[in-house]
Amino acid sequence: MVVRLRGTVAASAPHTIVLLAPGRGRWDLLVVPPDTSEEAAEPLMAAAASGHV
């Protein structure tokens, strides 16, 4: 498997990594920076888990 990384500036999703696998699908991954407080991270993770991010 080959993984290629390409940086882009997407204002709509600044903390998202998109994985594309031709013929296998697309996965949007939310990245919560390690210095994010628990109070701020918890609703983000809950929204991601429910598919509302």
PDB file of N, CA and C in Angstrom:
ATOM      1  N   MET A   1       0.848  -1.170   0.000  1.00  0.00           N
ATOM      2  CA  MET A   1       0.000   0.000   0.000  1.00  0.00           C
ATOM      3  C   MET A   1       0.894   1.233   0.000  1.00  0.00           C
ATOM      4  N   VAL A   2       0.528   2.197  -0.791  1.00  0.00           N
ATOM      5  CA  VAL A   2       1.261   3.451  -0.882  1.00  0.00           C
ATOM      6  C   VAL A   2       0.436   4.546  -0.225  1.00  0.00           C
ATOM      7  N   VAL A   3       1.073   5.333   0.622  1.00  0.00           N
ATOM      8  CA  VAL A   3       0.408   6.464   1.262  1.00  0.00           C
ATOM      9  C   VAL A   3       1.084   7.729   0.781  1.00  0.00           C
ATOM     10  N   ARG A   4       0.291   8.648   0.243  1.00  0.00           N
ATOM     11  CA  ARG A   4       0.827   9.929  -0.206  1.00  0.00           C
ATOM     12  C   ARG A   4       0.172  11.014   0.623  1.00  0.00           C
ATOM     13  N   LEU A   5       0.965  11.952   1.065  1.00  0.00           N
ATOM     14  CA  LEU A   5       0.455  13.068   1.847  1.00  0.00           C
ATOM     15  C   LEU A   5       0.523  14.335   1.026  1.00  0.00           C
ATOM     16  N   ARG A   6      -0.527  15.109   1.109  1.00  0.00           N
ATOM     17  CA  ARG A   6      -0.567  16.386   0.396  1.00  0.00           C
ATOM     18  C   ARG A   6      -1.231  17.396   1.314  1.00  0.00           C
ATOM     19  N   GLY A   7      -0.580  18.480   1.545  1.00  0.00           N
ATOM     20  CA  GLY A   7      -1.142  19.518   2.395  1.00  0.00           C
ATOM     21  C   GLY A   7      -2.071  20.423   1.619  1.00  0.00           C
ATOM     22  N   THR A   8      -3.181  20.764   2.247  1.00  0.00           N
ATOM     23  CA  THR A   8      -4.111  21.722   1.662  1.00  0.00           C
ATOM     24  C   THR A   8      -4.608  22.638   2.773  1.00  0.00           C
ATOM     25  N   VAL A   9      -5.116  23.765   2.385  1.00  0.00           N
ATOM     26  CA  VAL A   9      -5.701  24.701   3.345  1.00  0.00           C
ATOM     27  C   VAL A   9      -7.208  24.672   3.122  1.00  0.00           C
ATOM     28  N   ALA A  10      -7.906  23.982   4.000  1.00  0.00           N
ATOM     29  CA  ALA A  10      -9.363  23.888   3.902  1.00  0.00           C
ATOM     30  C   ALA A  10      -9.965  24.600   5.099  1.00  0.00           C
ATOM     31  N   ALA A  11     -10.441  25.801   4.889  1.00  0.00           N
ATOM     32  CA  ALA A  11     -10.997  26.590   5.988  1.00  0.00           C
ATOM     33  C   ALA A  11     -12.202  25.914   6.623  1.00  0.00           C
ATOM     34  N   SER A  12     -12.904  25.091   5.859  1.00  0.00           N
ATOM     35  CA  SER A  12     -14.099  24.441   6.395  1.00  0.00           C
ATOM     36  C   SER A  12     -13.775  23.302   7.352  1.00  0.00           C
ATOM     37  N   ALA A  13     -12.575  22.761   7.306  1.00  0.00           N
ATOM     38  CA  ALA A  13     -12.220  21.631   8.156  1.00  0.00           C
ATOM     39  C   ALA A  13     -10.738  21.684   8.535  1.00  0.00           C
ATOM     40  N   PRO A  14     -10.332  22.668   9.342  1.00  0.00           N
ATOM     41  CA  PRO A  14      -8.908  22.828   9.632  1.00  0.00           C
ATOM     42  C   PRO A  14      -8.302  21.703  10.472  1.00  0.00           C
ATOM     43  N   HIS A  15      -9.115  20.942  11.193  1.00  0.00           N
ATOM     44  CA  HIS A  15      -8.585  19.868  12.030  1.00  0.00           C
ATOM     45  C   HIS A  15      -9.047  18.507  11.532  1.00  0.00           C
ATOM     46  N   THR A  16      -9.032  18.350  10.211  1.00  0.00           N
ATOM     47  CA  THR A  16      -9.492  17.108   9.605  1.00  0.00           C
ATOM     48  C   THR A  16      -8.424  16.550   8.672  1.00  0.00           C
ATOM     49  N   ILE A  17      -8.258  15.242   8.738  1.00  0.00           N
ATOM     50  CA  ILE A  17      -7.410  14.527   7.783  1.00  0.00           C
ATOM     51  C   ILE A  17      -8.338  13.643   6.968  1.00  0.00           C
ATOM     52  N   VAL A  18      -8.213  13.692   5.654  1.00  0.00           N
ATOM     53  CA  VAL A  18      -9.054  12.891   4.774  1.00  0.00           C
ATOM     54  C   VAL A  18      -8.205  11.768   4.189  1.00  0.00           C
ATOM     55  N   LEU A  19      -8.675  10.540   4.374  1.00  0.00           N
ATOM     56  CA  LEU A  19      -8.018   9.379   3.785  1.00  0.00           C
ATOM     57  C   LEU A  19      -8.848   8.924   2.602  1.00  0.00           C
ATOM     58  N   LEU A  20      -8.215   8.813   1.438  1.00  0.00           N
ATOM     59  CA  LEU A  20      -8.892   8.358   0.230  1.00  0.00           C
ATOM     60  C   LEU A  20      -8.260   7.058  -0.235  1.00  0.00           C
ATOM     61  N   ALA A  21      -9.078   6.047  -0.449  1.00  0.00           N
ATOM     62  CA  ALA A  21      -8.601   4.760  -0.939  1.00  0.00           C
ATOM     63  C   ALA A  21      -9.439   4.406  -2.166  1.00  0.00           C
ATOM     64  N   PRO A  22      -8.881   4.592  -3.355  1.00  0.00           N
ATOM     65  CA  PRO A  22      -9.643   4.288  -4.571  1.00  0.00           C
ATOM     66  C   PRO A  22     -10.226   2.878  -4.513  1.00  0.00           C
ATOM     67  N   GLY A  23     -11.526   2.799  -4.731  1.00  0.00           N
ATOM     68  CA  GLY A  23     -12.208   1.515  -4.708  1.00  0.00           C
ATOM     69  C   GLY A  23     -12.546   1.012  -3.314  1.00  0.00           C
ATOM     70  N   ARG A  24     -12.076   1.717  -2.283  1.00  0.00           N
ATOM     71  CA  ARG A  24     -12.327   1.276  -0.902  1.00  0.00           C
ATOM     72  C   ARG A  24     -13.070   2.318  -0.079  1.00  0.00           C
ATOM     73  N   GLY A  25     -13.015   3.574  -0.464  1.00  0.00           N
ATOM     74  CA  GLY A  25     -13.774   4.582   0.251  1.00  0.00           C
ATOM     75  C   GLY A  25     -12.979   5.769   0.720  1.00  0.00           C
ATOM     76  N   ARG A  26     -13.658   6.565   1.513  1.00  0.00           N
ATOM     77  CA  ARG A  26     -13.097   7.801   2.056  1.00  0.00           C
ATOM     78  C   ARG A  26     -13.374   7.823   3.557  1.00  0.00           C
ATOM     79  N   TRP A  27     -12.383   8.276   4.317  1.00  0.00           N
ATOM     80  CA  TRP A  27     -12.535   8.414   5.753  1.00  0.00           C
ATOM     81  C   TRP A  27     -12.069   9.805   6.153  1.00  0.00           C
ATOM     82  N   ASP A  28     -12.934  10.540   6.845  1.00  0.00           N
ATOM     83  CA  ASP A  28     -12.598  11.864   7.364  1.00  0.00           C
ATOM     84  C   ASP A  28     -12.277  11.702   8.842  1.00  0.00           C
ATOM     85  N   LEU A  29     -11.057  12.038   9.222  1.00  0.00           N
ATOM     86  CA  LEU A  29     -10.608  11.863  10.600  1.00  0.00           C
ATOM     87  C   LEU A  29     -10.498  13.221  11.285  1.00  0.00           C
ATOM     88  N   LEU A  30     -11.118  13.346  12.428  1.00  0.00           N
ATOM     89  CA  LEU A  30     -11.024  14.562  13.226  1.00  0.00           C
ATOM     90  C   LEU A  30      -9.751  14.495  14.059  1.00  0.00           C
ATOM     91  N   VAL A  31      -8.967  15.554  14.036  1.00  0.00           N
ATOM     92  CA  VAL A  31      -7.749  15.635  14.836  1.00  0.00           C
ATOM     93  C   VAL A  31      -7.986  16.661  15.938  1.00  0.00           C
ATOM     94  N   VAL A  32      -7.960  16.195  17.174  1.00  0.00           N
ATOM     95  CA  VAL A  32      -8.107  17.091  18.318  1.00  0.00           C
ATOM     96  C   VAL A  32      -6.700  17.344  18.855  1.00  0.00           C
ATOM     97  N   PRO A  33      -6.217  18.579  18.766  1.00  0.00           N
ATOM     98  CA  PRO A  33      -4.855  18.879  19.224  1.00  0.00           C
ATOM     99  C   PRO A  33      -4.658  18.458  20.688  1.00  0.00           C
ATOM    100  N   PRO A  34      -3.470  17.976  21.030  1.00  0.00           N
ATOM    101  CA  PRO A  34      -3.225  17.463  22.376  1.00  0.00           C
ATOM    102  C   PRO A  34      -3.370  18.505  23.480  1.00  0.00           C
ATOM    103  N   ASP A  35      -3.253  19.776  23.156  1.00  0.00           N
ATOM    104  CA  ASP A  35      -3.388  20.798  24.197  1.00  0.00           C
ATOM    105  C   ASP A  35      -4.835  21.287  24.366  1.00  0.00           C
ATOM    106  N   THR A  36      -5.789  20.618  23.702  1.00  0.00           N
ATOM    107  CA  THR A  36      -7.196  20.965  23.835  1.00  0.00           C
ATOM    108  C   THR A  36      -7.689  20.521  25.213  1.00  0.00           C
ATOM    109  N   SER A  37      -8.416  21.402  25.882  1.00  0.00           N
ATOM    110  CA  SER A  37      -8.929  21.043  27.210  1.00  0.00           C
ATOM    111  C   SER A  37      -9.984  19.942  27.077  1.00  0.00           C
ATOM    112  N   GLU A  38     -10.166  19.189  28.146  1.00  0.00           N
ATOM    113  CA  GLU A  38     -11.164  18.127  28.144  1.00  0.00           C
ATOM    114  C   GLU A  38     -12.557  18.697  27.895  1.00  0.00           C
ATOM    115  N   GLU A  39     -12.832  19.863  28.473  1.00  0.00           N
ATOM    116  CA  GLU A  39     -14.136  20.487  28.299  1.00  0.00           C
ATOM    117  C   GLU A  39     -14.407  20.848  26.834  1.00  0.00           C
ATOM    118  N   ALA A  40     -13.377  21.256  26.120  1.00  0.00           N
ATOM    119  CA  ALA A  40     -13.532  21.602  24.708  1.00  0.00           C
ATOM    120  C   ALA A  40     -13.539  20.366  23.817  1.00  0.00           C
ATOM    121  N   ALA A  41     -12.749  19.352  24.182  1.00  0.00           N
ATOM    122  CA  ALA A  41     -12.619  18.157  23.340  1.00  0.00           C
ATOM    123  C   ALA A  41     -13.832  17.239  23.429  1.00  0.00           C
ATOM    124  N   GLU A  42     -14.448  17.164  24.597  1.00  0.00           N
ATOM    125  CA  GLU A  42     -15.550  16.220  24.783  1.00  0.00           C
ATOM    126  C   GLU A  42     -16.703  16.426  23.802  1.00  0.00           C
ATOM    127  N   PRO A  43     -17.216  17.662  23.614  1.00  0.00           N
ATOM    128  CA  PRO A  43     -18.311  17.814  22.638  1.00  0.00           C
ATOM    129  C   PRO A  43     -17.861  17.551  21.194  1.00  0.00           C
ATOM    130  N   LEU A  44     -16.603  17.852  20.878  1.00  0.00           N
ATOM    131  CA  LEU A  44     -16.094  17.558  19.529  1.00  0.00           C
ATOM    132  C   LEU A  44     -16.082  16.068  19.274  1.00  0.00           C
ATOM    133  N   MET A  45     -15.599  15.295  20.246  1.00  0.00           N
ATOM    134  CA  MET A  45     -15.539  13.848  20.096  1.00  0.00           C
ATOM    135  C   MET A  45     -16.942  13.238  20.036  1.00  0.00           C
ATOM    136  N   ALA A  46     -17.868  13.762  20.840  1.00  0.00           N
ATOM    137  CA  ALA A  46     -19.247  13.271  20.816  1.00  0.00           C
ATOM    138  C   ALA A  46     -19.889  13.545  19.458  1.00  0.00           C
ATOM    139  N   ALA A  47     -19.653  14.741  18.901  1.00  0.00           N
ATOM    140  CA  ALA A  47     -20.205  15.076  17.586  1.00  0.00           C
ATOM    141  C   ALA A  47     -19.593  14.195  16.497  1.00  0.00           C
ATOM    142  N   ALA A  48     -18.294  13.943  16.596  1.00  0.00           N
ATOM    143  CA  ALA A  48     -17.628  13.081  15.613  1.00  0.00           C
ATOM    144  C   ALA A  48     -18.177  11.658  15.681  1.00  0.00           C
ATOM    145  N   ALA A  49     -18.379  11.158  16.891  1.00  0.00           N
ATOM    146  CA  ALA A  49     -18.876   9.803  17.078  1.00  0.00           C
ATOM    147  C   ALA A  49     -20.301   9.648  16.531  1.00  0.00           C
ATOM    148  N   SER A  50     -21.066  10.726  16.581  1.00  0.00           N
ATOM    149  CA  SER A  50     -22.451  10.663  16.088  1.00  0.00           C
ATOM    150  C   SER A  50     -22.554  11.003  14.605  1.00  0.00           C
ATOM    151  N   GLY A  51     -21.431  11.411  13.996  1.00  0.00           N
ATOM    152  CA  GLY A  51     -21.432  11.752  12.574  1.00  0.00           C
ATOM    153  C   GLY A  51     -21.896  13.159  12.265  1.00  0.00           C
ATOM    154  N   HIS A  52     -21.842  14.052  13.242  1.00  0.00           N
ATOM    155  CA  HIS A  52     -22.327  15.421  13.053  1.00  0.00           C
ATOM    156  C   HIS A  52     -21.222  16.464  12.975  1.00  0.00           C
ATOM    157  N   VAL A  53     -20.024  16.063  12.614  1.00  0.00           N
ATOM    158  CA  VAL A  53     -18.920  17.037  12.486  1.00  0.00           C
ATOM    159  C   VAL A  53     -18.696  17.312  11.027  1.00  0.00           C
TER     160      VAL A  53
END
